[in-house]
């Protein structure tokens, strides 16, 4: 089980490989009593690359982030504009 900051850094590394402007991507981590919240921020032009067709890419990122956090922890990956 990894810490929230490690998961956020890892998620940002993956997302920067997917977009045209990697410097515009930021992932913030907030730990709440009900789970871990990872907020993904980027320019509006790149959101389509992060979300993917039909939301498939963001859904895959959510599944992998939940697996990295462990089964006893709720993880939420949110797109912030």
Protein backbone atom coordinates (compact mmCIF):
# COMPACT_ATOMS: atom_id res chain seq x y z
CA UNK A 1 0.00 0.00 0.00
CA UNK A 2 1.45 3.35 -1.08
CA UNK A 3 0.99 6.78 0.48
CA UNK A 4 -1.26 9.39 -1.10
CA UNK A 5 1.65 11.54 -2.23
CA UNK A 6 3.31 8.58 -3.91
CA UNK A 7 0.11 7.71 -5.76
CA UNK A 8 -0.38 11.36 -6.82
CA UNK A 9 3.20 11.56 -8.14
CA UNK A 10 2.80 8.27 -9.97
CA UNK A 11 -0.53 9.35 -11.47
CA UNK A 12 0.98 12.65 -12.63
CA UNK A 13 3.84 10.76 -14.29
CA UNK A 14 1.39 8.66 -16.29
CA UNK A 15 -0.81 11.60 -17.29
CA UNK A 16 2.14 13.71 -18.46
CA UNK A 17 2.93 10.94 -20.95
CA UNK A 18 -0.60 11.16 -22.37
CA UNK A 19 -0.90 14.91 -23.03
CA UNK A 20 0.71 17.34 -25.45
CA UNK A 21 1.81 19.84 -22.77
CA UNK A 22 3.08 17.91 -19.71
CA UNK A 23 4.01 21.11 -17.84
CA UNK A 24 0.32 22.07 -17.61
CA UNK A 25 -0.60 18.95 -15.62
CA UNK A 26 -0.87 18.96 -11.82
CA UNK A 27 -2.20 16.31 -9.44
CA UNK A 28 -3.11 17.29 -5.91
CA UNK A 29 -3.64 14.85 -3.08
CA UNK A 30 -6.03 15.37 -0.17
CA UNK A 31 -6.54 12.76 2.52
CA UNK A 32 -10.01 12.78 4.05
CA UNK A 33 -11.52 10.49 6.67
CA UNK A 34 -13.50 8.69 3.97
CA UNK A 35 -10.61 8.22 1.56
CA UNK A 36 -8.01 9.72 -0.70
CA UNK A 37 -8.94 12.42 -3.22
CA UNK A 38 -6.66 12.97 -6.21
CA UNK A 39 -7.51 16.10 -8.18
CA UNK A 40 -6.19 16.28 -11.74
CA UNK A 41 -5.75 19.79 -13.15
CA UNK A 42 -4.81 20.64 -16.71
CA UNK A 43 -5.67 23.04 -19.48
CA UNK A 44 -9.14 22.60 -20.99
CA UNK A 45 -7.62 21.67 -24.35
CA UNK A 46 -5.92 18.62 -22.82
CA UNK A 47 -8.87 17.30 -20.81
CA UNK A 48 -10.03 15.24 -23.77
CA UNK A 49 -6.68 13.45 -23.82
CA UNK A 50 -6.93 12.68 -20.11
CA UNK A 51 -10.56 11.55 -20.20
CA UNK A 52 -10.28 9.59 -23.44
CA UNK A 53 -12.99 8.38 -25.76
CA UNK A 54 -16.01 7.44 -23.70
CA UNK A 55 -14.05 8.07 -20.48
CA UNK A 56 -11.95 4.93 -20.90
CA UNK A 57 -8.59 6.47 -20.00
CA UNK A 58 -9.74 8.21 -16.81
CA UNK A 59 -11.59 5.07 -15.75
CA UNK A 60 -8.42 3.00 -16.24
CA UNK A 61 -6.44 5.56 -14.21
CA UNK A 62 -9.03 5.31 -11.41
CA UNK A 63 -8.82 1.53 -11.33
CA UNK A 64 -5.03 1.54 -11.18
CA UNK A 65 -4.97 4.26 -8.47
CA UNK A 66 -7.41 2.23 -6.36
CA UNK A 67 -5.27 -0.87 -6.76
CA UNK A 68 -2.14 1.04 -5.71
CA UNK A 69 -3.88 2.39 -2.61
CA UNK A 70 -4.96 -1.01 -1.35
CA UNK A 71 -8.33 -2.61 -0.87
CA UNK A 72 -9.09 -0.96 2.49
CA UNK A 73 -8.94 2.58 1.18
CA UNK A 74 -11.36 4.56 -1.00
CA UNK A 75 -9.70 6.55 -3.79
CA UNK A 76 -11.38 9.22 -5.87
CA UNK A 77 -9.73 10.63 -9.01
CA UNK A 78 -11.44 13.90 -9.93
CA UNK A 79 -10.99 16.11 -12.97
CA UNK A 80 -10.70 19.76 -11.91
CA UNK A 81 -11.04 22.57 -14.42
